[in-house]
């Protein structure tokens, strides 16, 4: 009786200990997440507040840089009325859309053939495709400059349509390989038995099923092409050919004079399209990136 009495509370004590450990782990996780959020929200908040200030208020040494005493949309209005800035925005839009279409037109068939057709050397080639993504762009833009010069596309916005897929296609292909590999093989086997060709299997079976992965790859291609800075800066130099990332610093920075209000307003406007796309398609992006973790 006494031994049962002594042994009885032990499971309860153990349960309380596990609950306390879980609670402290949860508190720690929340504390780290709060610090992480604060750290990464500081730059966009500072950018937004500065874009709403006049040049006089920005130049004042007194006062907090985080507060806007006289908010104004003057910086945004002047940018929208600026023909050069509208040209930068249009150049970025047409380059981004072209790069996304070209990258996906290459990545989807390439990923399908590497993951499902299983020809000799497919696994080695799939690994090689991903390894090309690990090569820094700073090592590639010099030899690519010679190629673009030979093609006569230097200082031409359309040269980016040829250059940026070299950054987007390898990773998009790798994402799609993981997603296609997670799709049950019974689908393509059944389609082959019914007499479908490989192209029919791709477009009528795999593309509808793999839409989250395709959306994830599309978002990545969009992000790469919209936010690329090194290549536009190296290959474009006239105002009518510049895209947003290079145009902002060339138009709004003159020597040692920085038009901080307009620079921040232009940064907010340039960041808006990716933010909007991620806000609406984040679930698809996460699903596409994590699809290759398990195979069903």
C-alpha atoms as a PDB file:
ATOM      1  CA  UNK A   1       0.000   0.000   0.000  1.00  0.00           C
ATOM      2  CA  UNK A   2       2.756   2.378   0.962  1.00  0.00           C
ATOM      3  CA  UNK A   3       4.783   1.519  -2.148  1.00  0.00           C
ATOM      4  CA  UNK A   4       1.733   2.224  -4.368  1.00  0.00           C
ATOM      5  CA  UNK A   5       1.251   5.511  -2.561  1.00  0.00           C
ATOM      6  CA  UNK A   6       4.883   6.530  -3.188  1.00  0.00           C
ATOM      7  CA  UNK A   7       4.890   5.438  -6.846  1.00  0.00           C
ATOM      8  CA  UNK A   8       1.514   7.033  -7.661  1.00  0.00           C
ATOM      9  CA  UNK A   9       2.476  10.754  -8.047  1.00  0.00           C
ATOM     10  CA  UNK A  10       5.480  10.076 -10.329  1.00  0.00           C
ATOM     11  CA  UNK A  11       3.576  10.104 -13.666  1.00  0.00           C
ATOM     12  CA  UNK A  12       1.795  13.308 -12.600  1.00  0.00           C
ATOM     13  CA  UNK A  13       5.109  14.953 -11.710  1.00  0.00           C
ATOM     14  CA  UNK A  14       6.614  13.863 -15.031  1.00  0.00           C
ATOM     15  CA  UNK A  15       3.638  15.264 -16.926  1.00  0.00           C
ATOM     16  CA  UNK A  16       3.948  18.592 -15.124  1.00  0.00           C
ATOM     17  CA  UNK A  17       7.659  18.703 -15.908  1.00  0.00           C
ATOM     18  CA  UNK A  18       7.027  18.080 -19.619  1.00  0.00           C
ATOM     19  CA  UNK A  19       4.323  20.750 -19.654  1.00  0.00           C
ATOM     20  CA  UNK A  20       6.691  23.247 -18.040  1.00  0.00           C
ATOM     21  CA  UNK A  21       9.435  22.429 -20.542  1.00  0.00           C
ATOM     22  CA  UNK A  22       7.011  22.796 -23.428  1.00  0.00           C
ATOM     23  CA  UNK A  23       5.778  26.112 -22.070  1.00  0.00           C
ATOM     24  CA  UNK A  24       9.309  27.516 -21.697  1.00  0.00           C
ATOM     25  CA  UNK A  25      10.207  26.292 -25.179  1.00  0.00           C
ATOM     26  CA  UNK A  26       7.138  28.081 -26.531  1.00  0.00           C
ATOM     27  CA  UNK A  27       8.016  31.296 -24.697  1.00  0.00           C
ATOM     28  CA  UNK A  28      11.584  31.135 -25.997  1.00  0.00           C
ATOM     29  CA  UNK A  29      10.402  30.557 -29.554  1.00  0.00           C
ATOM     30  CA  UNK A  30       8.025  33.513 -29.375  1.00  0.00           C
ATOM     31  CA  UNK A  31      10.735  35.746 -27.908  1.00  0.00           C
ATOM     32  CA  UNK A  32      13.172  34.840 -30.698  1.00  0.00           C
ATOM     33  CA  UNK A  33      10.470  35.344 -33.349  1.00  0.00           C
ATOM     34  CA  UNK A  34       9.581  38.760 -31.941  1.00  0.00           C
ATOM     35  CA  UNK A  35      13.254  39.836 -32.053  1.00  0.00           C
ATOM     36  CA  UNK A  36      13.539  38.421 -35.578  1.00  0.00           C
ATOM     37  CA  UNK A  37      10.454  40.324 -36.759  1.00  0.00           C
ATOM     38  CA  UNK A  38      11.587  43.584 -35.156  1.00  0.00           C
ATOM     39  CA  UNK A  39      15.059  43.283 -36.693  1.00  0.00           C
ATOM     40  CA  UNK A  40      13.761  42.661 -40.222  1.00  0.00           C
ATOM     41  CA  UNK A  41      10.917  45.199 -40.047  1.00  0.00           C
ATOM     42  CA  UNK A  42      13.213  48.082 -39.131  1.00  0.00           C
ATOM     43  CA  UNK A  43      14.502  48.752 -42.710  1.00  0.00           C
ATOM     44  CA  UNK A  44      11.073  48.753 -44.459  1.00  0.00           C
ATOM     45  CA  UNK A  45       9.519  50.882 -41.708  1.00  0.00           C
ATOM     46  CA  UNK A  46      12.392  53.377 -41.934  1.00  0.00           C
ATOM     47  CA  UNK A  47      12.060  53.388 -45.733  1.00  0.00           C
ATOM     48  CA  UNK A  48       8.332  54.089 -45.546  1.00  0.00           C
ATOM     49  CA  UNK A  49       8.609  56.861 -42.943  1.00  0.00           C
ATOM     50  CA  UNK A  50      11.451  58.574 -44.813  1.00  0.00           C
ATOM     51  CA  UNK A  51       9.504  58.473 -48.078  1.00  0.00           C
ATOM     52  CA  UNK A  52       6.753  60.537 -46.410  1.00  0.00           C
ATOM     53  CA  UNK A  53       9.129  63.328 -45.343  1.00  0.00           C
ATOM     54  CA  UNK A  54      10.196  66.469 -47.124  1.00  0.00           C
ATOM     55  CA  UNK A  55      13.875  67.105 -47.861  1.00  0.00           C
ATOM     56  CA  UNK A  56      13.939  69.772 -45.151  1.00  0.00           C
ATOM     57  CA  UNK A  57      12.619  67.395 -42.509  1.00  0.00           C
ATOM     58  CA  UNK A  58      15.054  64.662 -43.561  1.00  0.00           C
ATOM     59  CA  UNK A  59      17.951  67.125 -43.322  1.00  0.00           C
ATOM     60  CA  UNK A  60      17.093  68.252 -39.807  1.00  0.00           C
ATOM     61  CA  UNK A  61      19.496  66.833 -37.234  1.00  0.00           C
ATOM     62  CA  UNK A  62      17.043  67.274 -34.363  1.00  0.00           C
ATOM     63  CA  UNK A  63      14.088  64.964 -34.001  1.00  0.00           C
ATOM     64  CA  UNK A  64      13.534  61.249 -34.294  1.00  0.00           C
ATOM     65  CA  UNK A  65      14.168  59.642 -37.719  1.00  0.00           C
ATOM     66  CA  UNK A  66      11.249  57.277 -37.027  1.00  0.00           C
ATOM     67  CA  UNK A  67       8.581  59.975 -36.691  1.00  0.00           C
ATOM     68  CA  UNK A  68       6.984  61.938 -39.524  1.00  0.00           C
ATOM     69  CA  UNK A  69       5.940  65.387 -38.317  1.00  0.00           C
ATOM     70  CA  UNK A  70       4.632  66.685 -41.648  1.00  0.00           C
ATOM     71  CA  UNK A  71       3.716  63.675 -43.827  1.00  0.00           C
ATOM     72  CA  UNK A  72       3.521  64.319 -47.562  1.00  0.00           C
ATOM     73  CA  UNK A  73       3.059  62.333 -50.768  1.00  0.00           C
ATOM     74  CA  UNK A  74       5.112  64.815 -52.741  1.00  0.00           C
ATOM     75  CA  UNK A  75       7.954  62.345 -53.333  1.00  0.00           C
ATOM     76  CA  UNK A  76       5.574  59.763 -54.803  1.00  0.00           C
ATOM     77  CA  UNK A  77       3.765  62.329 -56.974  1.00  0.00           C
ATOM     78  CA  UNK A  78       7.008  63.691 -58.405  1.00  0.00           C
ATOM     79  CA  UNK A  79       8.219  60.180 -59.206  1.00  0.00           C
ATOM     80  CA  UNK A  80       4.973  59.247 -60.950  1.00  0.00           C
ATOM     81  CA  UNK A  81       5.194  62.441 -63.000  1.00  0.00           C
ATOM     82  CA  UNK A  82       8.837  61.704 -63.894  1.00  0.00           C
ATOM     83  CA  UNK A  83       9.024  60.243 -67.412  1.00  0.00           C
ATOM     84  CA  UNK A  84      12.357  58.535 -66.665  1.00  0.00           C
ATOM     85  CA  UNK A  85      10.929  56.721 -63.636  1.00  0.00           C
ATOM     86  CA  UNK A  86       7.898  55.555 -65.613  1.00  0.00           C
ATOM     87  CA  UNK A  87      10.310  54.255 -68.230  1.00  0.00           C
ATOM     88  CA  UNK A  88      12.290  52.372 -65.579  1.00  0.00           C
ATOM     89  CA  UNK A  89       9.090  50.785 -64.310  1.00  0.00           C
ATOM     90  CA  UNK A  90       7.978  49.776 -67.803  1.00  0.00           C
ATOM     91  CA  UNK A  91      11.415  48.314 -68.632  1.00  0.00           C
ATOM     92  CA  UNK A  92      11.383  46.273 -65.420  1.00  0.00           C
ATOM     93  CA  UNK A  93       7.869  45.029 -66.167  1.00  0.00           C
ATOM     94  CA  UNK A  94       8.563  43.857 -69.711  1.00  0.00           C
ATOM     95  CA  UNK A  95      11.902  42.284 -68.766  1.00  0.00           C
ATOM     96  CA  UNK A  96      10.382  40.489 -65.771  1.00  0.00           C
ATOM     97  CA  UNK A  97       7.405  39.108 -67.687  1.00  0.00           C
ATOM     98  CA  UNK A  98       9.639  37.943 -70.534  1.00  0.00           C
ATOM     99  CA  UNK A  99      12.132  36.293 -68.177  1.00  0.00           C
ATOM    100  CA  UNK A 100       9.359  34.527 -66.238  1.00  0.00           C
ATOM    101  CA  UNK A 101       7.776  33.140 -69.421  1.00  0.00           C
ATOM    102  CA  UNK A 102      11.121  32.049 -70.872  1.00  0.00           C
ATOM    103  CA  UNK A 103      12.357  30.541 -67.604  1.00  0.00           C
ATOM    104  CA  UNK A 104       9.199  28.521 -67.045  1.00  0.00           C
ATOM    105  CA  UNK A 105       9.115  27.399 -70.686  1.00  0.00           C
ATOM    106  CA  UNK A 106      12.579  25.906 -70.118  1.00  0.00           C
ATOM    107  CA  UNK A 107      12.288  24.760 -66.492  1.00  0.00           C
ATOM    108  CA  UNK A 108       9.025  22.805 -66.609  1.00  0.00           C
ATOM    109  CA  UNK A 109       9.920  20.468 -69.541  1.00  0.00           C
ATOM    110  CA  UNK A 110      13.495  20.122 -68.250  1.00  0.00           C
ATOM    111  CA  UNK A 111      12.348  19.179 -64.741  1.00  0.00           C
ATOM    112  CA  UNK A 112       9.770  16.739 -66.117  1.00  0.00           C
ATOM    113  CA  UNK A 113      12.307  14.951 -68.311  1.00  0.00           C
ATOM    114  CA  UNK A 114      14.927  14.789 -65.538  1.00  0.00           C
ATOM    115  CA  UNK A 115      12.533  13.525 -62.866  1.00  0.00           C
ATOM    116  CA  UNK A 116      10.225  11.161 -64.777  1.00  0.00           C
ATOM    117  CA  UNK A 117      11.793   9.980 -68.049  1.00  0.00           C
ATOM    118  CA  UNK A 118      14.877   8.505 -66.336  1.00  0.00           C
ATOM    119  CA  UNK A 119      17.328   8.468 -69.219  1.00  0.00           C
ATOM    120  CA  UNK A 120      21.037   7.668 -68.829  1.00  0.00           C
ATOM    121  CA  UNK A 121      22.777  10.324 -66.714  1.00  0.00           C
ATOM    122  CA  UNK A 122      19.548  12.083 -65.679  1.00  0.00           C
ATOM    123  CA  UNK A 123      20.456  12.122 -61.977  1.00  0.00           C
ATOM    124  CA  UNK A 124      23.930  13.506 -62.673  1.00  0.00           C
ATOM    125  CA  UNK A 125      22.497  16.127 -64.997  1.00  0.00           C
ATOM    126  CA  UNK A 126      19.864  17.135 -62.413  1.00  0.00           C
ATOM    127  CA  UNK A 127      22.601  17.688 -59.818  1.00  0.00           C
ATOM    128  CA  UNK A 128      24.635  19.638 -62.359  1.00  0.00           C
ATOM    129  CA  UNK A 129      21.679  21.911 -63.075  1.00  0.00           C
ATOM    130  CA  UNK A 130      21.447  22.849 -59.418  1.00  0.00           C
ATOM    131  CA  UNK A 131      25.207  23.313 -59.056  1.00  0.00           C
ATOM    132  CA  UNK A 132      25.151  25.925 -61.810  1.00  0.00           C
ATOM    133  CA  UNK A 133      22.866  27.993 -59.575  1.00  0.00           C
ATOM    134  CA  UNK A 134      25.583  28.051 -56.896  1.00  0.00           C
ATOM    135  CA  UNK A 135      28.030  29.851 -59.206  1.00  0.00           C
ATOM    136  CA  UNK A 136      28.021  33.547 -58.158  1.00  0.00           C
ATOM    137  CA  UNK A 137      26.703  35.983 -60.720  1.00  0.00           C
ATOM    138  CA  UNK A 138      29.730  38.200 -60.102  1.00  0.00           C
ATOM    139  CA  UNK A 139      31.873  35.508 -61.758  1.00  0.00           C
ATOM    140  CA  UNK A 140      29.616  35.139 -64.779  1.00  0.00           C
ATOM    141  CA  UNK A 141      28.836  38.703 -65.811  1.00  0.00           C
ATOM    142  CA  UNK A 142      32.323  39.353 -67.264  1.00  0.00           C
ATOM    143  CA  UNK A 143      32.334  36.444 -69.794  1.00  0.00           C
ATOM    144  CA  UNK A 144      28.635  37.060 -70.455  1.00  0.00           C
ATOM    145  CA  UNK A 145      29.514  40.686 -71.239  1.00  0.00           C
ATOM    146  CA  UNK A 146      31.670  39.442 -74.115  1.00  0.00           C
ATOM    147  CA  UNK A 147      28.810  37.306 -75.395  1.00  0.00           C
ATOM    148  CA  UNK A 148      26.324  40.194 -75.187  1.00  0.00           C
ATOM    149  CA  UNK A 149      28.798  42.476 -76.953  1.00  0.00           C
ATOM    150  CA  UNK A 150      29.245  39.906 -79.720  1.00  0.00           C
ATOM    151  CA  UNK A 151      25.445  39.789 -80.134  1.00  0.00           C
ATOM    152  CA  UNK A 152      25.294  43.591 -80.273  1.00  0.00           C
ATOM    153  CA  UNK A 153      22.918  43.849 -77.296  1.00  0.00           C
ATOM    154  CA  UNK A 154      25.059  45.968 -74.966  1.00  0.00           C
ATOM    155  CA  UNK A 155      22.976  48.803 -73.461  1.00  0.00           C
ATOM    156  CA  UNK A 156      19.800  47.122 -74.655  1.00  0.00           C
ATOM    157  CA  UNK A 157      17.087  46.238 -72.166  1.00  0.00           C
ATOM    158  CA  UNK A 158      16.386  42.989 -73.997  1.00  0.00           C
ATOM    159  CA  UNK A 159      19.856  41.664 -73.173  1.00  0.00           C
ATOM    160  CA  UNK A 160      18.506  41.008 -69.666  1.00  0.00           C
ATOM    161  CA  UNK A 161      15.944  38.607 -71.155  1.00  0.00           C
ATOM    162  CA  UNK A 162      18.882  36.450 -72.239  1.00  0.00           C
ATOM    163  CA  UNK A 163      20.953  36.971 -69.089  1.00  0.00           C
ATOM    164  CA  UNK A 164      18.521  36.620 -66.196  1.00  0.00           C
ATOM    165  CA  UNK A 165      17.265  33.120 -67.106  1.00  0.00           C
ATOM    166  CA  UNK A 166      20.812  31.924 -66.384  1.00  0.00           C
ATOM    167  CA  UNK A 167      20.026  32.786 -62.748  1.00  0.00           C
ATOM    168  CA  UNK A 168      16.391  31.681 -62.664  1.00  0.00           C
ATOM    169  CA  UNK A 169      16.294  28.478 -64.741  1.00  0.00           C
ATOM    170  CA  UNK A 170      18.637  26.294 -62.616  1.00  0.00           C
ATOM    171  CA  UNK A 171      16.792  26.869 -59.340  1.00  0.00           C
ATOM    172  CA  UNK A 172      13.329  26.760 -60.946  1.00  0.00           C
ATOM    173  CA  UNK A 173      14.259  23.450 -62.556  1.00  0.00           C
ATOM    174  CA  UNK A 174      15.456  22.096 -59.211  1.00  0.00           C
ATOM    175  CA  UNK A 175      12.212  23.146 -57.499  1.00  0.00           C
ATOM    176  CA  UNK A 176      10.151  21.462 -60.203  1.00  0.00           C
ATOM    177  CA  UNK A 177      12.251  18.275 -60.088  1.00  0.00           C
ATOM    178  CA  UNK A 178      11.425  17.911 -56.396  1.00  0.00           C
ATOM    179  CA  UNK A 179       7.743  18.552 -56.982  1.00  0.00           C
ATOM    180  CA  UNK A 180       7.444  16.205 -59.970  1.00  0.00           C
ATOM    181  CA  UNK A 181       9.275  13.487 -58.018  1.00  0.00           C
ATOM    182  CA  UNK A 182       6.646  13.716 -55.255  1.00  0.00           C
ATOM    183  CA  UNK A 183       3.795  12.910 -57.679  1.00  0.00           C
ATOM    184  CA  UNK A 184       2.838   9.196 -57.696  1.00  0.00           C
ATOM    185  CA  UNK A 185       4.241   7.291 -60.655  1.00  0.00           C
ATOM    186  CA  UNK A 186       0.904   5.568 -61.172  1.00  0.00           C
ATOM    187  CA  UNK A 187      -0.386   8.723 -62.881  1.00  0.00           C
ATOM    188  CA  UNK A 188       2.083   8.725 -65.753  1.00  0.00           C
ATOM    189  CA  UNK A 189       2.051   4.929 -65.976  1.00  0.00           C
ATOM    190  CA  UNK A 190      -1.750   4.972 -66.387  1.00  0.00           C
ATOM    191  CA  UNK A 191      -1.494   7.711 -69.006  1.00  0.00           C
ATOM    192  CA  UNK A 192       1.139   5.748 -70.943  1.00  0.00           C
ATOM    193  CA  UNK A 193      -1.093   2.660 -70.913  1.00  0.00           C
ATOM    194  CA  UNK A 194      -3.931   4.803 -72.318  1.00  0.00           C
ATOM    195  CA  UNK A 195      -1.676   5.816 -75.216  1.00  0.00           C
ATOM    196  CA  UNK A 196      -0.721   9.348 -74.144  1.00  0.00           C
ATOM    197  CA  UNK A 197       2.587  10.810 -75.296  1.00  0.00           C
ATOM    198  CA  UNK A 198       5.101  12.309 -72.887  1.00  0.00           C
ATOM    199  CA  UNK A 199       4.084  15.853 -73.881  1.00  0.00           C
ATOM    200  CA  UNK A 200       0.415  15.028 -73.296  1.00  0.00           C
ATOM    201  CA  UNK A 201       1.295  13.578 -69.892  1.00  0.00           C
ATOM    202  CA  UNK A 202       3.188  16.753 -69.028  1.00  0.00           C
ATOM    203  CA  UNK A 203       0.514  19.277 -70.010  1.00  0.00           C
ATOM    204  CA  UNK A 204      -2.660  17.312 -69.256  1.00  0.00           C
ATOM    205  CA  UNK A 205      -1.601  15.418 -66.127  1.00  0.00           C
ATOM    206  CA  UNK A 206       1.451  16.900 -64.441  1.00  0.00           C
ATOM    207  CA  UNK A 207       0.971  20.633 -65.008  1.00  0.00           C
ATOM    208  CA  UNK A 208      -2.482  20.725 -63.318  1.00  0.00           C
ATOM    209  CA  UNK A 209      -1.284  18.542 -60.434  1.00  0.00           C
ATOM    210  CA  UNK A 210       2.008  20.411 -60.006  1.00  0.00           C
ATOM    211  CA  UNK A 211       0.498  23.904 -60.103  1.00  0.00           C
ATOM    212  CA  UNK A 212       1.747  24.837 -56.564  1.00  0.00           C
ATOM    213  CA  UNK A 213       5.296  23.933 -57.598  1.00  0.00           C
ATOM    214  CA  UNK A 214       4.966  25.861 -60.852  1.00  0.00           C
ATOM    215  CA  UNK A 215       3.676  28.894 -58.951  1.00  0.00           C
ATOM    216  CA  UNK A 216       6.620  28.646 -56.526  1.00  0.00           C
ATOM    217  CA  UNK A 217       9.097  28.524 -59.412  1.00  0.00           C
ATOM    218  CA  UNK A 218       7.309  31.410 -61.144  1.00  0.00           C
ATOM    219  CA  UNK A 219       7.508  33.547 -58.003  1.00  0.00           C
ATOM    220  CA  UNK A 220      11.220  32.811 -57.712  1.00  0.00           C
ATOM    221  CA  UNK A 221      11.825  33.744 -61.373  1.00  0.00           C
ATOM    222  CA  UNK A 222       9.827  36.935 -60.861  1.00  0.00           C
ATOM    223  CA  UNK A 223      11.823  37.853 -57.747  1.00  0.00           C
ATOM    224  CA  UNK A 224      15.169  37.234 -59.433  1.00  0.00           C
ATOM    225  CA  UNK A 225      14.370  39.238 -62.548  1.00  0.00           C
ATOM    226  CA  UNK A 226      12.578  42.109 -60.773  1.00  0.00           C
ATOM    227  CA  UNK A 227      15.217  42.624 -58.093  1.00  0.00           C
ATOM    228  CA  UNK A 228      18.438  41.921 -60.009  1.00  0.00           C
ATOM    229  CA  UNK A 229      20.937  44.770 -59.615  1.00  0.00           C
ATOM    230  CA  UNK A 230      24.369  43.637 -60.817  1.00  0.00           C
ATOM    231  CA  UNK A 231      23.503  42.744 -64.413  1.00  0.00           C
ATOM    232  CA  UNK A 232      21.469  45.909 -65.183  1.00  0.00           C
ATOM    233  CA  UNK A 233      24.221  48.020 -63.653  1.00  0.00           C
ATOM    234  CA  UNK A 234      26.906  46.296 -65.769  1.00  0.00           C
ATOM    235  CA  UNK A 235      25.117  46.091 -69.117  1.00  0.00           C
ATOM    236  CA  UNK A 236      22.868  49.190 -69.228  1.00  0.00           C
ATOM    237  CA  UNK A 237      23.911  52.813 -68.952  1.00  0.00           C
ATOM    238  CA  UNK A 238      21.471  55.088 -70.846  1.00  0.00           C
ATOM    239  CA  UNK A 239      18.324  56.351 -69.120  1.00  0.00           C
ATOM    240  CA  UNK A 240      15.913  54.994 -71.724  1.00  0.00           C
ATOM    241  CA  UNK A 241      17.220  51.416 -71.233  1.00  0.00           C
ATOM    242  CA  UNK A 242      17.598  51.248 -67.448  1.00  0.00           C
ATOM    243  CA  UNK A 243      15.358  49.177 -65.180  1.00  0.00           C
ATOM    244  CA  UNK A 244      14.195  50.173 -61.709  1.00  0.00           C
ATOM    245  CA  UNK A 245      17.044  48.755 -59.638  1.00  0.00           C
ATOM    246  CA  UNK A 246      19.738  50.564 -61.628  1.00  0.00           C
ATOM    247  CA  UNK A 247      17.598  53.535 -62.611  1.00  0.00           C
ATOM    248  CA  UNK A 248      16.866  54.612 -59.048  1.00  0.00           C
ATOM    249  CA  UNK A 249      20.510  55.182 -58.170  1.00  0.00           C
ATOM    250  CA  UNK A 250      21.401  56.721 -61.541  1.00  0.00           C
ATOM    251  CA  UNK A 251      18.485  59.185 -61.534  1.00  0.00           C
ATOM    252  CA  UNK A 252      18.263  60.059 -57.830  1.00  0.00           C
ATOM    253  CA  UNK A 253      21.948  60.104 -56.873  1.00  0.00           C
ATOM    254  CA  UNK A 254      24.081  62.887 -58.309  1.00  0.00           C
ATOM    255  CA  UNK A 255      27.657  62.778 -57.084  1.00  0.00           C
ATOM    256  CA  UNK A 256      27.441  63.091 -53.314  1.00  0.00           C
ATOM    257  CA  UNK A 257      23.865  64.412 -53.353  1.00  0.00           C
ATOM    258  CA  UNK A 258      21.284  61.805 -52.348  1.00  0.00           C
ATOM    259  CA  UNK A 259      17.606  62.635 -52.773  1.00  0.00           C
ATOM    260  CA  UNK A 260      16.664  60.441 -49.839  1.00  0.00           C
ATOM    261  CA  UNK A 261      12.950  61.142 -49.877  1.00  0.00           C
ATOM    262  CA  UNK A 262      12.577  60.153 -53.526  1.00  0.00           C
ATOM    263  CA  UNK A 263      14.987  57.238 -53.166  1.00  0.00           C
ATOM    264  CA  UNK A 264      12.905  55.791 -50.347  1.00  0.00           C
ATOM    265  CA  UNK A 265       9.645  56.447 -52.191  1.00  0.00           C
ATOM    266  CA  UNK A 266      11.033  54.741 -55.300  1.00  0.00           C
ATOM    267  CA  UNK A 267      12.156  51.811 -53.153  1.00  0.00           C
ATOM    268  CA  UNK A 268       8.664  51.443 -51.681  1.00  0.00           C
ATOM    269  CA  UNK A 269       7.080  51.523 -55.139  1.00  0.00           C
ATOM    270  CA  UNK A 270       9.619  49.056 -56.504  1.00  0.00           C
ATOM    271  CA  UNK A 271       9.061  46.681 -53.578  1.00  0.00           C
ATOM    272  CA  UNK A 272       5.274  46.782 -53.854  1.00  0.00           C
ATOM    273  CA  UNK A 273       4.786  44.230 -56.698  1.00  0.00           C
ATOM    274  CA  UNK A 274       6.828  41.425 -55.042  1.00  0.00           C
ATOM    275  CA  UNK A 275       5.194  42.103 -51.673  1.00  0.00           C
ATOM    276  CA  UNK A 276       1.704  41.911 -53.188  1.00  0.00           C
ATOM    277  CA  UNK A 277       2.516  38.700 -55.066  1.00  0.00           C
ATOM    278  CA  UNK A 278       3.997  37.027 -51.977  1.00  0.00           C
ATOM    279  CA  UNK A 279       1.046  38.128 -49.850  1.00  0.00           C
ATOM    280  CA  UNK A 280      -1.461  36.374 -52.115  1.00  0.00           C
ATOM    281  CA  UNK A 281       0.616  33.366 -53.206  1.00  0.00           C
ATOM    282  CA  UNK A 282       2.704  32.582 -50.115  1.00  0.00           C
ATOM    283  CA  UNK A 283       0.886  29.305 -49.416  1.00  0.00           C
ATOM    284  CA  UNK A 284       1.612  28.053 -52.944  1.00  0.00           C
ATOM    285  CA  UNK A 285       5.239  29.167 -52.656  1.00  0.00           C
ATOM    286  CA  UNK A 286       5.786  27.269 -49.397  1.00  0.00           C
ATOM    287  CA  UNK A 287       3.981  24.191 -50.751  1.00  0.00           C
ATOM    288  CA  UNK A 288       6.145  24.193 -53.848  1.00  0.00           C
ATOM    289  CA  UNK A 289       9.407  24.559 -51.921  1.00  0.00           C
ATOM    290  CA  UNK A 290       8.589  21.819 -49.427  1.00  0.00           C
ATOM    291  CA  UNK A 291       7.074  19.335 -51.868  1.00  0.00           C
ATOM    292  CA  UNK A 292      10.365  17.562 -52.501  1.00  0.00           C
ATOM    293  CA  UNK A 293      10.890  16.824 -48.821  1.00  0.00           C
ATOM    294  CA  UNK A 294       8.559  13.828 -48.990  1.00  0.00           C
ATOM    295  CA  UNK A 295       7.567  11.544 -51.818  1.00  0.00           C
ATOM    296  CA  UNK A 296       4.032  10.277 -52.075  1.00  0.00           C
END
